[in-house]
Amino acid sequence: MSTPDNSTETGEKPLDFIRQIVTEDLASGKHSTPVTRFPPEPNGFLHIGHAKSICLNFGIAAEFNGRCHLRFDDTNPSKEESAYVESIKKDVQWLGFDWGENLFYASDYFDLLYDYAIELIKKEKAYVCCLSADEMREYRGTLTEPGKESPHRNRPVEENLKLFAEMKDGRHPEGSHVLRAKIDMASPNLNMRDPILYRIMNVSHHRTGDKWCIYPMYDYTHCLSDATEKITHSLCTLEFEDHRPLYDWVLDTLETPAHPQQIEFARLNLSYTVMSKRKLMQLVDENHVHGWDDPRMLTISGLRRRGYTPASIRNFCTEIGIGKRDSWIDMGVLENAVRNDLNSKAPRVMGVLDPLKVVITNYPEDRVEEVEGKNHPQNPDMGTRKLPFSREIYIERSDFLENAPRKFFRLDIGREVRLRYAYFITCNAVVKDEATGEITELHCTYDPETYGGNAPDGRKVKGTIHWVSAAHAVECEVRLYDRLFCVENPDADKETDFKEHLNPDSLTSLTSCLVEPSLRDAAPGTCVQFERQGYFCVDSKDSKPGALVFNRTVGLRDSWAKRKKK
């Protein structure tokens, strides 16, 4: 089987350290086919950090003609739901990956894991401990002091077997007993100080029902699930590096037929957000956001609803690469990834977010003509569309300024601008509300010789503005989303609640926006570029026929970079 070349002569990026390991393992014959896995816990929705792991595990399987398993580590039924399982499957598929027949659950192995626990007891490598949680913490020791052995550590094998069977049969209450590995209470690695393997939980499981009232711990389950599925490269983030000795101890002690290699990589740390599932759940439960799929959330479902594309997320994960050390990625890198992707594929349309009425006084009152607009200026294959043009139009309020400075290249009294795809117009008069002084209407004239935006006499105008026909525009709601937090690292100050850094302007809802009539029947999920405004997506939850809702995906340029410079 051929493997990727690590050469950089072609200008391609060199292999990251994980792909280099896989390449060497295949070349040496250690493995003939790489087998990876993505092992989410079904206790919440996936976020952008999970996307990095998904792209890595499924990407390696695809690149090296291997396979990647999707396995749910469902060992804590108190926090797990079938709804999370389905959302995770949907997210992985949406990102463009397919596990085929390789869908597994840790709960598939509960009987096997129990048998392995019996084997550990018989090998005198596990025992039932009756210390309370507080006592266990006290006995565990600290980073500088060794732990103390539990008084139950040397129970006879027969007594441990009997107690463990009673735990399984529901004869002991929660918290009264646990099964612990017998390793080394003086180990400098706290994970090796007789860690818990099983605990009693009188909770129904979303797949196994009430069959079990004891459930295995993650560290014990994970390595044995990997070995059972003959995973070759068990890829996880750096916080599991200290858990690797336990991973290896369990497999070595039980002499499993397969012993996967655990390899750690740096997790994704992204500015202006939090990546902790616990903290994301706080935001949802305390109503700081409108659910897991709120477009401000960097969950995959939130990104999808906001208008991010699978390709943009995959490209982002490729660009940031895989490293061995934790580092921070600026949010602008993610935003630029979707901007670049949508730039090539999103059709251009016109939308006015803050409408200001314009009456073209020398245009016939009963006349409506159609002007031709390009769907994409750099891609002629995307074709054109017809735009109705009439005497009354709406423009963006910010495109007019009374007594404008010389370098303001949009409308002012006596100033001429180009209407996109239509004519040159000149503002002649302003109508204001007598009570407030607010400008309510502009009176302009047009030059009928400038159809298409060009003047026969060769005169030039520096300003081009977008517009919609008043009689034909479609009213809609537009939601302008900004970053959820107003500081780069909301977790930096451990003494301050991260929620105090929430951005109060993360959502602005505009309810009287107007878009061109071609969007009247736009389907949920449709992504477009509002010319001169940014990229927008038809909301998949709240948008309905006759009541369109658009979410701003990203602006045309990084406005936060300018803010940081200031």
Protein backbone atom coordinates (compact mmCIF):
# COMPACT_ATOMS: atom_id res chain seq x y z
CA MET A 1 0.00 0.00 0.00
CA SER A 2 1.35 3.41 -0.88
CA THR A 3 1.79 6.01 1.85
CA PRO A 4 2.01 9.79 1.65
CA ASP A 5 5.38 11.26 0.77
CA ASN A 6 6.94 13.42 3.47
CA SER A 7 8.78 15.56 0.94
CA THR A 8 8.27 19.33 0.88
CA GLU A 9 9.74 19.81 -2.63
CA THR A 10 6.25 20.19 -4.10
CA GLY A 11 5.39 22.89 -1.60
CA GLU A 12 3.05 20.64 0.36
CA LYS A 13 3.08 20.72 4.14
CA PRO A 14 5.22 18.02 5.78
CA LEU A 15 3.40 15.28 7.65
CA ASP A 16 2.45 16.11 11.21
CA PHE A 17 4.02 13.96 13.91
CA ILE A 18 1.03 11.61 14.13
CA ARG A 19 0.92 10.94 10.41
CA GLN A 20 4.67 10.43 10.55
CA ILE A 21 4.16 7.71 13.19
CA VAL A 22 1.49 6.04 11.09
CA THR A 23 3.72 6.20 8.01
CA GLU A 24 6.61 4.57 9.88
CA ASP A 25 4.37 1.89 11.40
CA LEU A 26 3.08 0.92 7.98
CA ALA A 27 6.56 0.97 6.45
CA SER A 28 7.97 -1.27 9.21
CA GLY A 29 5.13 -3.75 8.98
CA LYS A 30 3.96 -3.07 12.53
CA HIS A 31 0.51 -2.51 11.08
CA SER A 32 -0.87 -3.29 7.65
CA THR A 33 -3.89 -1.00 8.01
CA PRO A 34 -4.38 1.90 10.41
CA VAL A 35 -7.52 1.77 12.54
CA THR A 36 -8.49 4.93 14.41
CA ARG A 37 -11.61 5.93 16.32
CA PHE A 38 -13.55 9.01 17.34
CA PRO A 39 -14.93 8.28 20.83
CA PRO A 40 -17.34 11.00 22.00
CA GLU A 41 -19.28 10.82 25.24
CA PRO A 42 -23.00 11.31 24.45
CA ASN A 43 -23.49 13.92 27.18
CA GLY A 44 -23.63 17.07 25.07
CA PHE A 45 -23.25 18.50 21.60
CA LEU A 46 -19.99 18.46 19.67
CA HIS A 47 -18.02 21.69 19.32
CA ILE A 48 -15.22 22.98 17.10
CA GLY A 49 -12.63 21.23 19.29
CA HIS A 50 -14.25 17.89 18.51
CA ALA A 51 -14.14 18.79 14.82
CA LYS A 52 -10.33 18.83 15.04
CA SER A 53 -10.35 15.28 16.42
CA ILE A 54 -12.94 14.12 13.88
CA CYS A 55 -10.91 15.49 10.98
CA LEU A 56 -7.74 13.93 12.38
CA ASN A 57 -9.10 10.44 13.02
CA PHE A 58 -11.27 10.13 9.92
CA GLY A 59 -8.67 11.97 7.85
CA ILE A 60 -5.89 9.53 8.72
CA ALA A 61 -8.16 6.58 7.95
CA ALA A 62 -8.96 8.03 4.53
CA GLU A 63 -5.39 9.03 3.68
CA PHE A 64 -3.86 5.67 4.59
CA ASN A 65 -6.68 3.41 3.31
CA GLY A 66 -7.65 2.42 6.83
CA ARG A 67 -10.86 2.76 8.77
CA CYS A 68 -12.18 4.96 11.55
CA HIS A 69 -14.72 3.81 14.11
CA LEU A 70 -17.35 5.99 15.67
CA ARG A 71 -17.66 4.74 19.23
CA PHE A 72 -19.82 6.27 21.92
CA ASP A 73 -18.21 6.07 25.36
CA ASP A 74 -21.53 5.79 27.14
CA THR A 75 -20.39 4.83 30.64
CA ASN A 76 -22.14 7.58 32.65
CA PRO A 77 -25.89 7.19 32.12
CA SER A 78 -26.71 10.01 34.55
CA LYS A 79 -25.57 12.55 31.94
CA GLU A 80 -26.22 10.75 28.66
CA GLU A 81 -29.16 10.85 26.27
CA SER A 82 -30.10 9.24 22.98
CA ALA A 83 -30.68 12.75 21.60
CA TYR A 84 -26.97 13.47 22.03
CA VAL A 85 -26.11 10.26 20.17
CA GLU A 86 -28.22 11.30 17.20
CA SER A 87 -26.86 14.85 17.16
CA ILE A 88 -23.28 13.56 17.19
CA LYS A 89 -23.94 11.18 14.31
CA LYS A 90 -25.54 14.02 12.35
CA ASP A 91 -22.58 16.32 13.01
CA VAL A 92 -19.98 13.76 11.92
CA GLN A 93 -21.89 13.02 8.72
CA TRP A 94 -22.41 16.72 8.03
CA LEU A 95 -18.66 17.29 8.28
CA GLY A 96 -18.31 14.80 5.44
CA PHE A 97 -17.22 11.62 7.20
CA ASP A 98 -18.68 8.12 7.13
CA TRP A 99 -18.01 5.35 9.63
CA GLY A 100 -19.76 2.77 7.47
CA GLU A 101 -20.39 -0.41 9.49
CA ASN A 102 -18.03 0.70 12.24
CA LEU A 103 -20.50 2.16 14.74
CA PHE A 104 -19.88 0.99 18.30
CA TYR A 105 -20.83 1.76 21.87
CA ALA A 106 -18.86 1.13 25.04
CA SER A 107 -22.10 -0.33 26.38
CA ASP A 108 -21.70 -3.08 23.76
CA TYR A 109 -18.81 -4.31 25.91
CA PHE A 110 -20.35 -4.11 29.39
CA ASP A 111 -20.42 -7.91 29.76
CA LEU A 112 -16.86 -8.21 28.50
CA LEU A 113 -15.67 -5.39 30.78
CA TYR A 114 -17.27 -7.11 33.76
CA ASP A 115 -15.48 -10.34 32.89
CA TYR A 116 -12.19 -8.46 32.62
CA ALA A 117 -12.83 -6.97 36.07
CA ILE A 118 -13.35 -10.47 37.47
CA GLU A 119 -10.04 -11.46 35.90
CA LEU A 120 -8.27 -8.52 37.55
CA ILE A 121 -9.70 -9.52 40.95
CA LYS A 122 -8.54 -13.09 40.44
CA LYS A 123 -5.08 -11.81 39.52
CA GLU A 124 -5.14 -9.81 42.79
CA LYS A 125 -4.93 -6.62 40.73
CA ALA A 126 -8.30 -5.22 41.81
CA TYR A 127 -10.26 -5.02 45.03
CA VAL A 128 -13.55 -3.73 46.42
CA CYS A 129 -13.04 -0.62 48.55
CA CYS A 130 -15.59 0.74 51.03
CA LEU A 131 -13.97 4.10 51.79
CA SER A 132 -16.23 7.10 51.40
CA ALA A 133 -15.43 9.65 48.69
CA ASP A 134 -13.96 12.03 51.28
CA GLU A 135 -11.86 9.29 52.82
CA MET A 136 -10.61 8.22 49.42
CA ARG A 137 -9.48 11.75 48.65
CA GLU A 138 -7.69 11.87 52.01
CA TYR A 139 -5.97 8.54 51.40
CA ARG A 140 -4.93 9.51 47.89
CA GLY A 141 -2.18 11.89 48.97
CA THR A 142 -0.91 14.90 47.04
CA LEU A 143 1.54 15.66 44.26
CA THR A 144 4.32 15.85 46.85
CA GLU A 145 3.13 13.24 49.35
CA PRO A 146 2.42 9.55 48.66
CA GLY A 147 -1.02 8.13 49.29
CA LYS A 148 -2.01 5.61 51.95
CA GLU A 149 -3.29 2.14 51.21
CA SER A 150 -6.96 1.51 51.76
CA PRO A 151 -7.71 -0.76 54.74
CA HIS A 152 -9.63 -2.92 52.24
CA ARG A 153 -6.73 -3.26 49.80
CA ASN A 154 -5.76 -6.75 50.87
CA ARG A 155 -9.18 -8.38 51.02
CA PRO A 156 -9.08 -12.04 50.01
CA VAL A 157 -9.92 -12.73 46.38
CA GLU A 158 -13.05 -14.68 47.31
CA GLU A 159 -14.40 -11.80 49.38
CA ASN A 160 -13.73 -9.31 46.56
CA LEU A 161 -15.51 -11.56 44.07
CA LYS A 162 -18.50 -11.90 46.40
CA LEU A 163 -18.74 -8.16 47.06
CA PHE A 164 -18.34 -7.27 43.39
CA ALA A 165 -21.10 -9.71 42.44
CA GLU A 166 -23.32 -8.14 45.12
CA MET A 167 -22.57 -4.72 43.68
CA LYS A 168 -23.67 -5.97 40.27
CA ASP A 169 -26.85 -7.45 41.75
CA GLY A 170 -27.85 -4.15 43.34
CA ARG A 171 -27.38 -5.23 46.93
CA HIS A 172 -25.37 -2.18 47.98
CA PRO A 173 -26.31 1.52 47.82
CA GLU A 174 -24.54 4.12 45.70
CA GLY A 175 -21.30 5.36 47.21
CA SER A 176 -20.88 2.40 49.55
CA HIS A 177 -18.47 0.36 47.40
CA VAL A 178 -16.20 0.79 44.39
CA LEU A 179 -13.87 -1.53 42.55
CA ARG A 180 -10.32 -0.20 42.46
CA ALA A 181 -7.21 -1.29 40.59
CA LYS A 182 -4.33 -2.37 42.84
CA ILE A 183 -1.32 -0.52 41.46
CA ASP A 184 0.86 1.80 43.58
CA MET A 185 -0.32 4.29 46.19
CA ALA A 186 3.14 5.89 46.20
CA SER A 187 3.25 6.49 42.45
CA PRO A 188 4.19 10.07 41.47
CA ASN A 189 1.35 9.79 38.91
CA LEU A 190 -1.89 10.22 40.85
CA ASN A 191 -3.77 8.31 38.15
CA MET A 192 -1.87 5.17 39.20
CA ARG A 193 -2.81 5.37 42.89
CA ASP A 194 -5.37 2.59 42.84
CA PRO A 195 -7.84 4.28 40.50
CA ILE A 196 -11.54 3.42 40.54
CA LEU A 197 -12.61 0.95 37.86
CA TYR A 198 -16.33 0.54 38.73
CA ARG A 199 -18.87 2.49 40.76
CA ILE A 200 -22.46 1.84 41.76
CA MET A 201 -25.05 3.94 39.92
CA ASN A 202 -28.74 3.18 40.21
CA VAL A 203 -29.51 4.90 36.93
CA SER A 204 -31.20 3.52 33.84
CA HIS A 205 -28.97 3.47 30.75
CA HIS A 206 -30.27 4.82 27.44
CA ARG A 207 -29.30 1.56 25.69
CA THR A 208 -29.10 -1.19 28.32
CA GLY A 209 -32.00 -0.03 30.45
CA ASP A 210 -31.89 -1.35 34.03
CA LYS A 211 -29.66 -4.33 33.34
CA TRP A 212 -26.73 -2.75 35.15
CA CYS A 213 -26.39 -0.82 38.38
CA ILE A 214 -22.59 -0.72 38.24
CA TYR A 215 -20.81 1.15 35.47
CA PRO A 216 -17.15 1.14 34.42
CA MET A 217 -15.01 4.27 34.58
CA TYR A 218 -13.83 5.96 31.42
CA ASP A 219 -10.11 5.14 31.75
CA TYR A 220 -10.82 1.45 32.28
CA THR A 221 -13.42 1.28 29.52
CA HIS A 222 -11.57 3.27 26.90
CA CYS A 223 -8.41 1.19 26.63
CA LEU A 224 -10.32 -2.12 26.62
CA SER A 225 -12.75 -0.83 23.98
CA ASP A 226 -9.76 0.20 21.84
CA ALA A 227 -8.17 -3.22 22.27
CA THR A 228 -11.43 -5.07 21.52
CA GLU A 229 -11.86 -3.11 18.28
CA LYS A 230 -8.16 -3.61 17.42
CA ILE A 231 -7.52 0.12 17.18
CA THR A 232 -3.93 0.71 16.08
CA HIS A 233 -3.50 4.39 16.99
CA SER A 234 -5.58 5.75 19.87
CA LEU A 235 -5.41 9.52 19.39
CA CYS A 236 -6.39 11.79 22.25
CA THR A 237 -5.64 15.25 23.58
CA LEU A 238 -2.78 16.20 25.88
CA GLU A 239 -4.78 16.07 29.12
CA PHE A 240 -4.76 12.28 28.75
CA GLU A 241 -0.97 12.06 28.66
CA ASP A 242 -0.84 11.35 32.40
CA HIS A 243 -3.49 8.66 31.89
CA ARG A 244 -1.39 6.71 29.38
CA PRO A 245 0.43 4.64 32.07
CA LEU A 246 -2.98 3.46 33.32
CA TYR A 247 -4.08 2.75 29.74
CA ASP A 248 -1.02 0.55 29.26
CA TRP A 249 -1.24 -1.03 32.73
CA VAL A 250 -4.78 -2.31 32.16
CA LEU A 251 -3.93 -3.82 28.77
CA ASP A 252 -0.61 -5.30 29.94
CA THR A 253 -2.10 -6.75 33.12
CA LEU A 254 -4.97 -8.38 31.25
CA GLU A 255 -2.65 -9.44 28.40
CA THR A 256 -5.18 -8.41 25.79
CA PRO A 257 -4.59 -9.73 22.24
CA ALA A 258 -4.23 -6.19 20.90
CA HIS A 259 -2.46 -3.26 22.54
CA PRO A 260 -3.19 0.04 20.76
CA GLN A 261 -0.70 2.89 20.99
CA GLN A 262 -2.06 5.98 22.73
CA ILE A 263 -0.74 9.18 21.14
CA GLU A 264 -1.54 12.63 22.51
CA PHE A 265 -1.88 15.86 20.56
CA ALA A 266 -2.63 19.43 21.57
CA ARG A 267 -6.28 20.29 21.95
CA LEU A 268 -7.78 23.27 20.17
CA ASN A 269 -7.70 26.51 22.15
CA LEU A 270 -9.60 29.21 20.30
CA SER A 271 -9.72 32.85 21.34
CA TYR A 272 -12.96 34.58 22.38
CA THR A 273 -14.65 31.35 23.40
CA VAL A 274 -14.66 28.51 25.92
CA MET A 275 -14.16 24.89 24.89
CA SER A 276 -15.29 23.16 28.07
CA LYS A 277 -18.45 21.15 27.54
CA ARG A 278 -19.37 21.86 31.16
CA LYS A 279 -19.14 25.61 30.59
CA LEU A 280 -21.01 25.43 27.31
CA MET A 281 -23.77 23.58 29.16
CA GLN A 282 -23.82 26.39 31.75
CA LEU A 283 -24.42 28.92 28.99
CA VAL A 284 -27.33 26.85 27.72
CA ASP A 285 -28.86 25.98 31.10
CA GLU A 286 -28.61 29.56 32.40
CA ASN A 287 -30.15 30.97 29.18
CA HIS A 288 -27.15 33.08 28.20
CA VAL A 289 -27.67 31.59 24.72
CA HIS A 290 -30.69 30.12 22.97
CA GLY A 291 -29.78 26.44 23.07
CA TRP A 292 -26.88 24.28 21.93
CA ASP A 293 -27.41 25.33 18.31
CA ASP A 294 -27.38 29.06 19.02
CA PRO A 295 -25.29 30.52 16.16
CA ARG A 296 -23.05 32.24 18.73
CA MET A 297 -22.02 28.86 20.12
CA LEU A 298 -19.06 27.13 18.53
CA THR A 299 -20.88 23.82 18.62
CA ILE A 300 -20.97 22.14 15.24
CA SER A 301 -24.76 22.52 15.18
CA GLY A 302 -24.38 26.23 16.02
CA LEU A 303 -21.79 26.74 13.30
CA ARG A 304 -23.98 24.88 10.81
CA ARG A 305 -26.97 27.05 11.66
CA ARG A 306 -24.85 30.18 11.36
CA GLY A 307 -23.83 29.26 7.82
CA TYR A 308 -20.43 27.65 8.24
CA THR A 309 -19.76 24.99 5.63
CA PRO A 310 -18.26 21.54 6.21
CA ALA A 311 -15.41 22.42 3.85
CA SER A 312 -14.59 25.59 5.79
CA ILE A 313 -14.28 23.65 9.06
CA ARG A 314 -12.20 20.91 7.44
CA ASN A 315 -9.95 23.56 5.86
CA PHE A 316 -9.59 25.28 9.23
CA CYS A 317 -8.54 22.03 10.90
CA THR A 318 -6.00 21.42 8.13
CA GLU A 319 -4.59 24.93 8.42
CA ILE A 320 -4.05 24.87 12.19
CA GLY A 321 -2.37 21.46 11.99
CA ILE A 322 -1.54 18.98 14.74
CA GLY A 323 1.02 19.81 17.41
CA LYS A 324 2.41 18.45 20.66
CA ARG A 325 2.13 21.67 22.64
CA ASP A 326 -0.93 23.65 23.62
CA SER A 327 -1.25 26.92 21.75
CA TRP A 328 -3.91 29.51 21.00
CA ILE A 329 -5.56 29.99 17.63
CA ASP A 330 -7.08 33.38 16.88
CA MET A 331 -10.80 33.30 16.12
CA GLY A 332 -10.01 35.22 12.93
CA VAL A 333 -8.41 32.07 11.48
CA LEU A 334 -11.72 30.21 11.74
CA GLU A 335 -13.67 33.17 10.41
CA ASN A 336 -11.29 33.55 7.51
CA ALA A 337 -11.72 29.87 6.64
CA VAL A 338 -15.47 30.25 6.12
CA ARG A 339 -14.97 33.62 4.41
CA ASN A 340 -12.60 32.05 1.88
CA ASP A 341 -14.91 29.11 1.25
CA LEU A 342 -18.07 31.17 0.82
CA ASN A 343 -16.29 33.71 -1.35
CA SER A 344 -15.95 31.11 -4.10
CA LYS A 345 -19.42 29.59 -3.88
CA ALA A 346 -21.96 31.97 -2.31
CA PRO A 347 -24.14 33.79 -4.88
CA ARG A 348 -24.22 37.58 -4.61
CA VAL A 349 -27.51 39.27 -3.78
CA MET A 350 -28.60 42.68 -2.51
CA GLY A 351 -29.98 43.28 0.94
CA VAL A 352 -30.59 46.53 2.80
CA LEU A 353 -30.32 46.23 6.57
CA ASP A 354 -31.20 49.81 7.55
CA PRO A 355 -33.47 51.07 4.75
CA LEU A 356 -33.63 54.68 3.60
CA LYS A 357 -36.19 55.48 0.91
CA VAL A 358 -35.05 57.09 -2.34
CA VAL A 359 -37.49 58.61 -4.85
CA ILE A 360 -36.04 59.04 -8.35
CA THR A 361 -38.10 62.05 -9.35
CA ASN A 362 -37.41 61.95 -13.11
CA TYR A 363 -38.13 58.24 -13.44
CA PRO A 364 -41.64 57.41 -14.77
CA GLU A 365 -44.03 56.56 -11.92
CA ASP A 366 -45.61 53.52 -13.58
CA ARG A 367 -42.44 52.11 -15.07
CA VAL A 368 -40.74 48.90 -13.85
CA GLU A 369 -37.77 47.54 -15.71
CA GLU A 370 -35.46 44.63 -15.12
CA VAL A 371 -31.73 45.06 -14.80
CA GLU A 372 -29.34 42.16 -15.03
CA GLY A 373 -27.21 41.27 -12.02
CA LYS A 374 -24.30 38.85 -11.90
CA ASN A 375 -24.67 36.01 -9.44
CA HIS A 376 -20.92 35.93 -8.95
CA PRO A 377 -18.55 38.49 -10.49
CA GLN A 378 -15.61 36.03 -10.66
CA ASN A 379 -17.62 33.02 -11.78
CA PRO A 380 -19.61 33.57 -14.98
CA ASP A 381 -20.86 29.96 -14.81
CA MET A 382 -23.12 30.95 -11.93
CA GLY A 383 -25.11 33.03 -14.37
CA THR A 384 -27.20 36.16 -13.89
CA ARG A 385 -30.56 37.17 -12.47
CA LYS A 386 -33.16 39.82 -13.22
CA LEU A 387 -33.67 42.61 -10.67
CA PRO A 388 -36.75 44.86 -10.78
CA PHE A 389 -35.96 48.57 -10.84
CA SER A 390 -38.54 51.30 -10.24
CA ARG A 391 -39.04 54.92 -9.28
CA GLU A 392 -38.85 54.20 -5.55
CA ILE A 393 -36.00 52.20 -4.11
CA TYR A 394 -34.33 51.67 -0.75
CA ILE A 395 -30.65 52.10 -0.03
CA GLU A 396 -28.58 51.60 3.12
CA ARG A 397 -29.00 54.56 5.48
CA SER A 398 -25.23 54.65 6.01
CA ASP A 399 -24.77 55.28 2.26
CA PHE A 400 -26.03 58.84 2.67
CA LEU A 401 -24.37 61.55 4.71
CA GLU A 402 -25.30 65.20 4.77
CA ASN A 403 -22.33 67.53 4.40
CA ALA A 404 -20.10 64.54 3.85
CA PRO A 405 -16.30 64.86 3.88
CA ARG A 406 -14.45 64.85 0.56
CA LYS A 407 -13.41 61.19 0.83
CA PHE A 408 -16.95 59.98 1.46
CA PHE A 409 -17.70 58.31 -1.88
CA ARG A 410 -21.40 57.71 -1.42
CA LEU A 411 -24.47 59.94 -1.54
CA ASP A 412 -24.65 63.54 -0.41
CA ILE A 413 -26.54 66.54 -1.74
CA GLY A 414 -25.29 67.18 -5.27
CA ARG A 415 -23.12 64.08 -5.33
CA GLU A 416 -23.46 61.37 -7.99
CA VAL A 417 -23.10 57.63 -7.33
CA ARG A 418 -23.68 54.43 -9.25
CA LEU A 419 -26.53 52.10 -8.36
CA ARG A 420 -25.22 48.55 -8.70
CA TYR A 421 -26.21 47.13 -12.15
CA ALA A 422 -28.52 50.12 -12.82
CA TYR A 423 -27.92 53.88 -13.28
CA PHE A 424 -26.05 56.87 -11.97
CA ILE A 425 -28.17 58.93 -9.57
CA THR A 426 -27.63 62.37 -8.02
CA CYS A 427 -29.19 63.46 -4.73
CA ASN A 428 -31.02 66.77 -4.99
CA ALA A 429 -33.09 67.06 -1.82
CA VAL A 430 -33.65 65.57 1.62
CA VAL A 431 -36.97 65.05 3.40
CA LYS A 432 -36.86 65.07 7.19
CA ASP A 433 -39.26 64.28 10.00
CA GLU A 434 -40.34 67.67 11.34
CA ALA A 435 -40.43 66.44 14.92
CA THR A 436 -37.19 64.50 15.12
CA GLY A 437 -35.12 65.85 12.26
CA GLU A 438 -34.46 62.31 11.09
CA ILE A 439 -33.99 61.88 7.34
CA THR A 440 -36.94 59.90 6.00
CA GLU A 441 -36.51 60.20 2.25
CA LEU A 442 -34.08 61.28 -0.45
CA HIS A 443 -35.09 62.86 -3.76
CA CYS A 444 -32.73 62.03 -6.59
CA THR A 445 -32.55 62.16 -10.35
CA TYR A 446 -31.09 59.51 -12.62
CA ASP A 447 -29.19 59.68 -15.90
CA PRO A 448 -31.01 57.34 -18.33
CA GLU A 449 -27.86 57.13 -20.48
CA THR A 450 -25.96 55.29 -17.74
CA TYR A 451 -27.81 51.96 -17.75
CA GLY A 452 -25.55 49.17 -16.56
CA GLY A 453 -23.44 51.59 -14.57
CA ASN A 454 -21.43 53.22 -17.35
CA ALA A 455 -21.64 56.75 -18.75
CA PRO A 456 -21.36 57.28 -22.54
CA ASP A 457 -19.38 60.46 -21.99
CA GLY A 458 -16.80 58.54 -20.01
CA ARG A 459 -17.32 60.33 -16.70
CA LYS A 460 -16.47 58.34 -13.61
CA VAL A 461 -18.03 58.08 -10.19
CA LYS A 462 -16.17 56.67 -7.22
CA GLY A 463 -19.11 55.29 -5.31
CA THR A 464 -21.26 52.23 -6.06
CA ILE A 465 -24.08 51.38 -3.66
CA HIS A 466 -26.60 48.53 -3.45
CA TRP A 467 -30.35 48.93 -3.41
CA VAL A 468 -33.70 47.13 -3.64
CA SER A 469 -36.90 48.15 -5.40
CA ALA A 470 -39.44 49.39 -2.85
CA ALA A 471 -42.40 47.67 -4.49
CA HIS A 472 -40.67 44.33 -4.93
CA ALA A 473 -38.43 43.98 -1.89
CA VAL A 474 -38.99 41.16 0.60
CA GLU A 475 -39.08 42.15 4.26
CA CYS A 476 -37.08 39.95 6.61
CA GLU A 477 -35.29 39.74 9.95
CA VAL A 478 -31.51 39.82 10.01
CA ARG A 479 -29.53 38.67 13.03
CA LEU A 480 -26.06 40.09 13.36
CA TYR A 481 -23.91 37.73 15.41
CA ASP A 482 -20.67 38.78 16.98
CA ARG A 483 -18.20 36.92 19.16
CA LEU A 484 -19.76 35.52 22.30
CA PHE A 485 -17.06 36.89 24.60
CA CYS A 486 -15.40 40.28 24.53
CA VAL A 487 -11.98 39.12 25.79
CA GLU A 488 -9.57 36.73 24.09
CA ASN A 489 -9.36 34.28 26.99
CA PRO A 490 -12.49 34.24 29.18
CA ASP A 491 -10.83 31.64 31.43
CA ALA A 492 -7.61 33.58 32.04
CA ASP A 493 -8.64 34.92 35.44
CA LYS A 494 -9.58 31.90 37.55
CA GLU A 495 -11.04 34.14 40.26
CA THR A 496 -13.54 35.71 37.85
CA ASP A 497 -16.58 33.89 36.53
CA PHE A 498 -16.02 33.41 32.80
CA LYS A 499 -19.60 34.52 32.16
CA GLU A 500 -18.72 38.04 33.28
CA HIS A 501 -16.85 38.38 29.97
CA LEU A 502 -19.91 37.67 27.81
CA ASN A 503 -20.25 40.17 24.98
CA PRO A 504 -23.50 42.12 25.47
CA ASP A 505 -23.52 42.90 21.74
CA SER A 506 -23.08 39.31 20.58
CA LEU A 507 -26.57 39.40 19.00
CA THR A 508 -28.31 42.31 17.30
CA SER A 509 -31.68 41.62 15.68
CA LEU A 510 -32.84 43.88 12.83
CA THR A 511 -36.51 43.36 12.02
CA SER A 512 -37.23 45.71 9.10
CA CYS A 513 -34.60 44.64 6.60
CA LEU A 514 -35.27 44.30 2.88
CA VAL A 515 -33.82 41.84 0.37
CA GLU A 516 -34.22 41.44 -3.35
CA PRO A 517 -37.19 39.32 -4.54
CA SER A 518 -34.99 36.42 -5.74
CA LEU A 519 -34.71 35.42 -2.07
CA ARG A 520 -38.44 35.21 -1.43
CA ASP A 521 -38.43 31.40 -1.42
CA ALA A 522 -34.88 30.84 -0.19
CA ALA A 523 -34.63 27.49 1.58
CA PRO A 524 -33.29 27.15 5.15
CA GLY A 525 -29.53 26.79 5.10
CA THR A 526 -29.11 28.83 1.90
CA CYS A 527 -25.87 30.84 2.04
CA VAL A 528 -25.46 34.10 0.13
CA GLN A 529 -23.34 37.20 0.13
CA PHE A 530 -25.24 40.42 0.70
CA GLU A 531 -23.13 42.69 -1.47
CA ARG A 532 -20.98 45.07 0.59
CA GLN A 533 -22.41 43.58 3.81
CA GLY A 534 -21.08 40.08 4.40
CA TYR A 535 -22.12 36.44 4.19
CA PHE A 536 -25.54 35.41 5.45
CA CYS A 537 -27.46 32.17 5.87
CA VAL A 538 -31.21 31.52 5.98
CA ASP A 539 -31.86 30.34 9.54
CA SER A 540 -32.70 26.64 9.68
CA LYS A 541 -34.91 26.87 12.77
CA ASP A 542 -36.82 30.17 12.81
CA SER A 543 -37.09 31.09 9.12
CA LYS A 544 -40.41 30.25 7.50
CA PRO A 545 -42.11 31.03 4.17
CA GLY A 546 -43.21 34.64 4.32
CA ALA A 547 -41.08 35.27 7.43
CA LEU A 548 -37.45 34.99 6.38
CA VAL A 549 -34.70 35.13 8.98
CA PHE A 550 -31.06 35.56 7.94
CA ASN A 551 -28.06 34.94 10.19
CA ARG A 552 -24.84 36.78 9.49
CA THR A 553 -22.16 34.14 9.10
CA VAL A 554 -19.18 36.47 8.83
CA GLY A 555 -18.35 39.91 7.53
CA LEU A 556 -16.47 40.60 4.34
CA ARG A 557 -13.33 41.34 6.33
CA ASP A 558 -12.00 40.86 9.84
CA SER A 559 -13.37 43.81 11.81
CA TRP A 560 -11.94 42.44 15.08
CA ALA A 561 -8.40 42.78 13.76
CA LYS A 562 -9.01 46.52 13.37
CA ARG A 563 -10.46 46.73 16.88
CA LYS A 564 -7.38 45.03 18.36
CA LYS A 565 -5.06 47.49 16.59
CA LYS A 566 -6.96 50.37 18.15
